[in-house]
Amino acid sequence: VQLQASGGGLVQTGGSLRLFCAASGINFSLHTMNWYRQASGKQRELVATIASTGSTNYADSVKARFIVSRDNAKRTVYLQMDSLKPDDTALYYCNTNVPSRQRQYWGQGTQVTVSS
């Protein structure tokens, strides 16, 4: 299983970025996909989740600013991030849990930096 995250970068406060996570080695359409982030010196936190049904959930800190979506044909999950704040600065990871293999998988992370 491989999760390849991309799309991070440097943006000013109020700007937008779109993250991508391409998956391989799993039956993508069947799996819940998650975006986590980890800021320097802080614990990793769950940012957004999209289930196989398309149902979504968000951390309170990103509600109304971030949108998670998926394209099963492209085996890709997206995170549209708008109205970015310096507090959004972190390494962003995509993640999925594969119960049949009794483990979860992580992408390599993509850095998002929001300047004030």
N, C-alpha and C. Protein backbone atom coordinates (compact mmCIF):
# COMPACT_ATOMS: atom_id res chain seq x y z
N VAL A 1 0.86 -1.18 0.00
CA VAL A 1 0.00 0.00 0.00
C VAL A 1 0.90 1.24 0.00
N GLN A 2 0.57 2.16 -0.89
CA GLN A 2 1.29 3.44 -0.91
C GLN A 2 0.29 4.59 -0.92
N LEU A 3 0.58 5.60 -0.09
CA LEU A 3 -0.19 6.83 -0.08
C LEU A 3 0.79 7.95 -0.39
N GLN A 4 0.55 8.64 -1.49
CA GLN A 4 1.47 9.68 -1.94
C GLN A 4 0.77 11.03 -1.82
N ALA A 5 1.21 11.81 -0.83
CA ALA A 5 0.61 13.13 -0.60
C ALA A 5 1.41 14.21 -1.30
N SER A 6 0.71 15.23 -1.77
CA SER A 6 1.36 16.35 -2.44
C SER A 6 0.45 17.57 -2.35
N GLY A 7 0.98 18.71 -2.80
CA GLY A 7 0.16 19.92 -2.87
C GLY A 7 0.47 20.96 -1.82
N GLY A 8 1.33 20.62 -0.86
CA GLY A 8 1.67 21.59 0.16
C GLY A 8 2.49 22.73 -0.40
N GLY A 9 2.71 23.74 0.44
CA GLY A 9 3.50 24.88 0.00
C GLY A 9 3.42 26.01 1.00
N LEU A 10 3.92 27.15 0.57
CA LEU A 10 3.92 28.37 1.39
C LEU A 10 2.83 29.30 0.87
N VAL A 11 1.99 29.76 1.77
CA VAL A 11 0.89 30.65 1.39
C VAL A 11 0.70 31.70 2.47
N GLN A 12 0.18 32.85 2.09
CA GLN A 12 -0.09 33.90 3.06
C GLN A 12 -1.41 33.64 3.78
N THR A 13 -1.56 34.26 4.93
CA THR A 13 -2.82 34.18 5.68
C THR A 13 -3.99 34.56 4.78
N GLY A 14 -5.03 33.73 4.85
CA GLY A 14 -6.19 33.96 4.00
C GLY A 14 -6.14 33.25 2.66
N GLY A 15 -5.01 32.68 2.34
CA GLY A 15 -4.86 32.00 1.07
C GLY A 15 -5.42 30.59 1.08
N SER A 16 -5.23 29.91 -0.05
CA SER A 16 -5.78 28.56 -0.22
C SER A 16 -4.72 27.61 -0.76
N LEU A 17 -4.91 26.36 -0.43
CA LEU A 17 -4.10 25.28 -0.99
C LEU A 17 -5.00 24.07 -1.16
N ARG A 18 -4.62 23.21 -2.09
CA ARG A 18 -5.34 21.96 -2.27
C ARG A 18 -4.35 20.81 -2.18
N LEU A 19 -4.58 19.95 -1.23
CA LEU A 19 -3.72 18.79 -1.05
C LEU A 19 -4.30 17.59 -1.79
N PHE A 20 -3.40 16.72 -2.23
CA PHE A 20 -3.76 15.52 -2.95
C PHE A 20 -3.13 14.32 -2.26
N CYS A 21 -3.83 13.20 -2.28
CA CYS A 21 -3.26 11.95 -1.77
C CYS A 21 -3.69 10.84 -2.71
N ALA A 22 -2.73 10.30 -3.44
CA ALA A 22 -2.99 9.21 -4.38
C ALA A 22 -2.69 7.88 -3.71
N ALA A 23 -3.60 6.96 -3.80
CA ALA A 23 -3.46 5.67 -3.13
C ALA A 23 -3.28 4.55 -4.13
N SER A 24 -2.49 3.56 -3.73
CA SER A 24 -2.33 2.35 -4.52
C SER A 24 -2.20 1.17 -3.58
N GLY A 25 -2.54 -0.01 -4.09
CA GLY A 25 -2.39 -1.22 -3.29
C GLY A 25 -3.56 -1.56 -2.40
N ILE A 26 -4.64 -0.75 -2.49
CA ILE A 26 -5.85 -1.04 -1.74
C ILE A 26 -7.05 -0.87 -2.65
N ASN A 27 -8.17 -1.47 -2.25
CA ASN A 27 -9.42 -1.23 -2.97
C ASN A 27 -9.96 0.11 -2.47
N PHE A 28 -9.47 1.17 -3.10
CA PHE A 28 -9.62 2.53 -2.59
C PHE A 28 -11.06 2.88 -2.23
N SER A 29 -11.99 2.52 -3.09
CA SER A 29 -13.37 2.96 -2.91
C SER A 29 -14.01 2.41 -1.63
N LEU A 30 -13.42 1.38 -1.06
CA LEU A 30 -14.01 0.75 0.12
C LEU A 30 -13.54 1.34 1.43
N HIS A 31 -12.53 2.21 1.35
CA HIS A 31 -11.86 2.63 2.58
C HIS A 31 -12.11 4.08 2.94
N THR A 32 -12.28 4.30 4.26
CA THR A 32 -12.28 5.64 4.79
C THR A 32 -10.88 6.23 4.66
N MET A 33 -10.81 7.46 4.23
CA MET A 33 -9.54 8.16 4.09
C MET A 33 -9.51 9.34 5.06
N ASN A 34 -8.36 9.55 5.64
CA ASN A 34 -8.20 10.59 6.65
C ASN A 34 -7.05 11.52 6.30
N TRP A 35 -7.21 12.76 6.72
CA TRP A 35 -6.10 13.73 6.70
C TRP A 35 -5.76 14.08 8.15
N TYR A 36 -4.49 13.95 8.48
CA TYR A 36 -3.97 14.37 9.78
C TYR A 36 -2.97 15.49 9.55
N ARG A 37 -2.64 16.18 10.62
CA ARG A 37 -1.56 17.16 10.56
C ARG A 37 -0.79 17.14 11.87
N GLN A 38 0.47 17.53 11.75
CA GLN A 38 1.32 17.63 12.94
C GLN A 38 2.15 18.88 12.84
N ALA A 39 1.89 19.80 13.75
CA ALA A 39 2.69 21.01 13.83
C ALA A 39 3.92 20.74 14.69
N SER A 40 4.93 21.54 14.49
CA SER A 40 6.18 21.36 15.21
C SER A 40 5.92 21.43 16.71
N GLY A 41 6.37 20.41 17.43
CA GLY A 41 6.23 20.38 18.87
C GLY A 41 4.86 19.98 19.38
N LYS A 42 3.97 19.61 18.48
CA LYS A 42 2.61 19.25 18.88
C LYS A 42 2.29 17.81 18.45
N GLN A 43 1.23 17.28 19.04
CA GLN A 43 0.79 15.94 18.67
C GLN A 43 0.07 15.97 17.33
N ARG A 44 0.12 14.84 16.66
CA ARG A 44 -0.60 14.70 15.41
C ARG A 44 -2.10 14.74 15.70
N GLU A 45 -2.85 15.46 14.86
CA GLU A 45 -4.28 15.58 15.07
C GLU A 45 -5.04 15.25 13.79
N LEU A 46 -6.23 14.69 13.98
CA LEU A 46 -7.09 14.37 12.85
C LEU A 46 -7.77 15.64 12.36
N VAL A 47 -7.66 15.89 11.07
CA VAL A 47 -8.20 17.11 10.48
C VAL A 47 -9.53 16.84 9.79
N ALA A 48 -9.57 15.80 8.96
CA ALA A 48 -10.77 15.53 8.17
C ALA A 48 -10.82 14.06 7.80
N THR A 49 -12.04 13.58 7.65
CA THR A 49 -12.28 12.18 7.30
C THR A 49 -13.34 12.11 6.24
N ILE A 50 -13.15 11.21 5.27
CA ILE A 50 -14.21 10.94 4.30
C ILE A 50 -14.38 9.43 4.20
N ALA A 51 -15.59 9.01 4.44
CA ALA A 51 -15.89 7.58 4.40
C ALA A 51 -16.10 7.10 2.97
N SER A 52 -16.20 5.79 2.83
CA SER A 52 -16.44 5.23 1.50
C SER A 52 -17.78 5.71 0.93
N THR A 53 -18.70 6.06 1.82
CA THR A 53 -20.01 6.56 1.40
C THR A 53 -19.97 8.01 0.96
N GLY A 54 -18.87 8.68 1.27
CA GLY A 54 -18.75 10.11 0.98
C GLY A 54 -19.06 10.98 2.18
N SER A 55 -19.48 10.36 3.27
CA SER A 55 -19.74 11.11 4.49
C SER A 55 -18.45 11.71 5.03
N THR A 56 -18.52 12.93 5.52
CA THR A 56 -17.31 13.64 5.97
C THR A 56 -17.43 14.10 7.41
N ASN A 57 -16.27 14.26 8.03
CA ASN A 57 -16.18 14.84 9.37
C ASN A 57 -14.93 15.71 9.44
N TYR A 58 -15.01 16.75 10.27
CA TYR A 58 -13.92 17.71 10.36
C TYR A 58 -13.60 18.04 11.81
N ALA A 59 -12.35 18.37 12.05
CA ALA A 59 -11.99 18.95 13.33
C ALA A 59 -12.65 20.32 13.44
N ASP A 60 -13.01 20.69 14.66
CA ASP A 60 -13.68 21.98 14.85
C ASP A 60 -12.83 23.14 14.32
N SER A 61 -11.53 23.00 14.42
CA SER A 61 -10.63 24.08 14.05
C SER A 61 -10.62 24.37 12.54
N VAL A 62 -11.13 23.43 11.73
CA VAL A 62 -11.08 23.62 10.28
C VAL A 62 -12.46 23.64 9.63
N LYS A 63 -13.50 23.42 10.43
CA LYS A 63 -14.86 23.42 9.87
C LYS A 63 -15.14 24.74 9.17
N ALA A 64 -15.82 24.66 8.06
CA ALA A 64 -16.21 25.80 7.23
C ALA A 64 -15.03 26.40 6.47
N ARG A 65 -13.83 25.86 6.66
CA ARG A 65 -12.67 26.35 5.89
C ARG A 65 -12.06 25.27 5.00
N PHE A 66 -12.13 24.02 5.46
CA PHE A 66 -11.54 22.90 4.72
C PHE A 66 -12.65 22.01 4.18
N ILE A 67 -12.41 21.44 3.01
CA ILE A 67 -13.34 20.46 2.43
C ILE A 67 -12.55 19.25 1.96
N VAL A 68 -12.96 18.08 2.44
CA VAL A 68 -12.34 16.83 2.00
C VAL A 68 -13.25 16.19 0.95
N SER A 69 -12.63 15.64 -0.08
CA SER A 69 -13.39 14.97 -1.13
C SER A 69 -12.56 13.82 -1.68
N ARG A 70 -13.19 13.01 -2.50
CA ARG A 70 -12.48 11.87 -3.06
C ARG A 70 -12.97 11.60 -4.48
N ASP A 71 -12.06 11.04 -5.26
CA ASP A 71 -12.38 10.60 -6.61
C ASP A 71 -11.96 9.13 -6.68
N ASN A 72 -12.92 8.24 -6.57
CA ASN A 72 -12.59 6.81 -6.52
C ASN A 72 -11.98 6.32 -7.83
N ALA A 73 -12.40 6.90 -8.93
CA ALA A 73 -11.84 6.48 -10.22
C ALA A 73 -10.36 6.82 -10.31
N LYS A 74 -9.96 7.92 -9.68
CA LYS A 74 -8.55 8.33 -9.68
C LYS A 74 -7.82 7.85 -8.43
N ARG A 75 -8.55 7.18 -7.52
CA ARG A 75 -7.94 6.67 -6.29
C ARG A 75 -7.24 7.80 -5.52
N THR A 76 -7.89 8.92 -5.47
CA THR A 76 -7.27 10.11 -4.88
C THR A 76 -8.24 10.76 -3.91
N VAL A 77 -7.69 11.24 -2.79
CA VAL A 77 -8.45 12.04 -1.84
C VAL A 77 -7.84 13.43 -1.82
N TYR A 78 -8.70 14.43 -1.66
CA TYR A 78 -8.29 15.82 -1.72
C TYR A 78 -8.62 16.52 -0.41
N LEU A 79 -7.87 17.56 -0.13
CA LEU A 79 -8.21 18.44 0.98
C LEU A 79 -8.07 19.88 0.47
N GLN A 80 -9.21 20.50 0.26
CA GLN A 80 -9.25 21.91 -0.14
C GLN A 80 -9.20 22.75 1.12
N MET A 81 -8.20 23.61 1.22
CA MET A 81 -8.00 24.42 2.42
C MET A 81 -8.10 25.88 2.04
N ASP A 82 -9.09 26.55 2.58
CA ASP A 82 -9.31 27.97 2.32
C ASP A 82 -9.18 28.77 3.61
N SER A 83 -9.06 30.06 3.46
CA SER A 83 -8.95 30.96 4.63
C SER A 83 -7.88 30.46 5.59
N LEU A 84 -6.74 30.14 5.05
CA LEU A 84 -5.68 29.55 5.87
C LEU A 84 -5.15 30.54 6.89
N LYS A 85 -4.76 29.98 8.03
CA LYS A 85 -4.24 30.75 9.15
C LYS A 85 -2.85 30.24 9.52
N PRO A 86 -2.05 31.05 10.18
CA PRO A 86 -0.74 30.55 10.63
C PRO A 86 -0.84 29.29 11.47
N ASP A 87 -1.93 29.14 12.24
CA ASP A 87 -2.12 27.94 13.06
C ASP A 87 -2.32 26.67 12.22
N ASP A 88 -2.57 26.83 10.94
CA ASP A 88 -2.71 25.67 10.05
C ASP A 88 -1.35 25.14 9.59
N THR A 89 -0.29 25.86 9.91
CA THR A 89 1.05 25.42 9.52
C THR A 89 1.37 24.08 10.17
N ALA A 90 1.69 23.11 9.33
CA ALA A 90 1.95 21.75 9.83
C ALA A 90 2.36 20.86 8.67
N LEU A 91 2.81 19.67 9.03
CA LEU A 91 3.01 18.61 8.05
C LEU A 91 1.70 17.83 7.97
N TYR A 92 1.16 17.73 6.77
CA TYR A 92 -0.13 17.09 6.56
C TYR A 92 0.07 15.69 5.99
N TYR A 93 -0.62 14.73 6.60
CA TYR A 93 -0.51 13.33 6.21
C TYR A 93 -1.86 12.77 5.79
N CYS A 94 -1.87 11.93 4.78
CA CYS A 94 -3.07 11.14 4.53
C CYS A 94 -2.88 9.77 5.16
N ASN A 95 -4.00 9.15 5.45
CA ASN A 95 -3.99 7.93 6.26
C ASN A 95 -5.21 7.09 5.94
N THR A 96 -5.04 5.78 6.01
CA THR A 96 -6.19 4.90 5.93
C THR A 96 -5.94 3.67 6.80
N ASN A 97 -7.01 3.11 7.27
CA ASN A 97 -6.94 1.88 8.06
C ASN A 97 -7.47 0.73 7.21
N VAL A 98 -6.73 -0.37 7.19
CA VAL A 98 -7.15 -1.54 6.41
C VAL A 98 -7.39 -2.68 7.40
N PRO A 99 -8.64 -2.87 7.82
CA PRO A 99 -8.93 -3.89 8.84
C PRO A 99 -8.48 -5.29 8.45
N SER A 100 -8.62 -5.63 7.17
CA SER A 100 -8.24 -6.98 6.75
C SER A 100 -6.76 -7.24 6.94
N ARG A 101 -5.97 -6.19 6.99
CA ARG A 101 -4.53 -6.33 7.20
C ARG A 101 -4.14 -5.94 8.63
N GLN A 102 -5.13 -5.52 9.40
CA GLN A 102 -4.92 -5.15 10.81
C GLN A 102 -3.84 -4.10 10.98
N ARG A 103 -3.87 -3.11 10.11
CA ARG A 103 -2.91 -2.03 10.25
C ARG A 103 -3.41 -0.80 9.51
N GLN A 104 -2.76 0.31 9.80
CA GLN A 104 -3.07 1.52 9.07
C GLN A 104 -1.84 1.96 8.31
N TYR A 105 -2.07 2.79 7.31
CA TYR A 105 -1.01 3.25 6.43
C TYR A 105 -0.98 4.77 6.42
N TRP A 106 0.23 5.30 6.25
CA TRP A 106 0.45 6.74 6.24
C TRP A 106 1.19 7.14 4.98
N GLY A 107 0.81 8.31 4.45
CA GLY A 107 1.60 8.92 3.41
C GLY A 107 2.83 9.57 4.01
N GLN A 108 3.66 10.13 3.16
CA GLN A 108 4.93 10.69 3.62
C GLN A 108 4.80 12.09 4.18
N GLY A 109 3.67 12.71 4.02
CA GLY A 109 3.48 14.06 4.53
C GLY A 109 3.82 15.12 3.51
N THR A 110 3.07 16.20 3.56
CA THR A 110 3.35 17.36 2.71
C THR A 110 3.26 18.60 3.59
N GLN A 111 4.25 19.48 3.48
CA GLN A 111 4.35 20.62 4.38
C GLN A 111 3.46 21.77 3.91
N VAL A 112 2.69 22.29 4.84
CA VAL A 112 1.90 23.50 4.61
C VAL A 112 2.40 24.57 5.57
N THR A 113 2.78 25.70 5.01
CA THR A 113 3.27 26.81 5.82
C THR A 113 2.45 28.05 5.48
N VAL A 114 1.85 28.64 6.51
CA VAL A 114 1.02 29.83 6.32
C VAL A 114 1.72 31.00 7.02
N SER A 115 2.09 31.99 6.24
CA SER A 115 2.79 33.13 6.79
C SER A 115 1.80 34.21 7.21
N SER A 116 2.17 34.93 8.26
CA SER A 116 1.28 35.99 8.78
C SER A 116 1.56 37.31 8.12
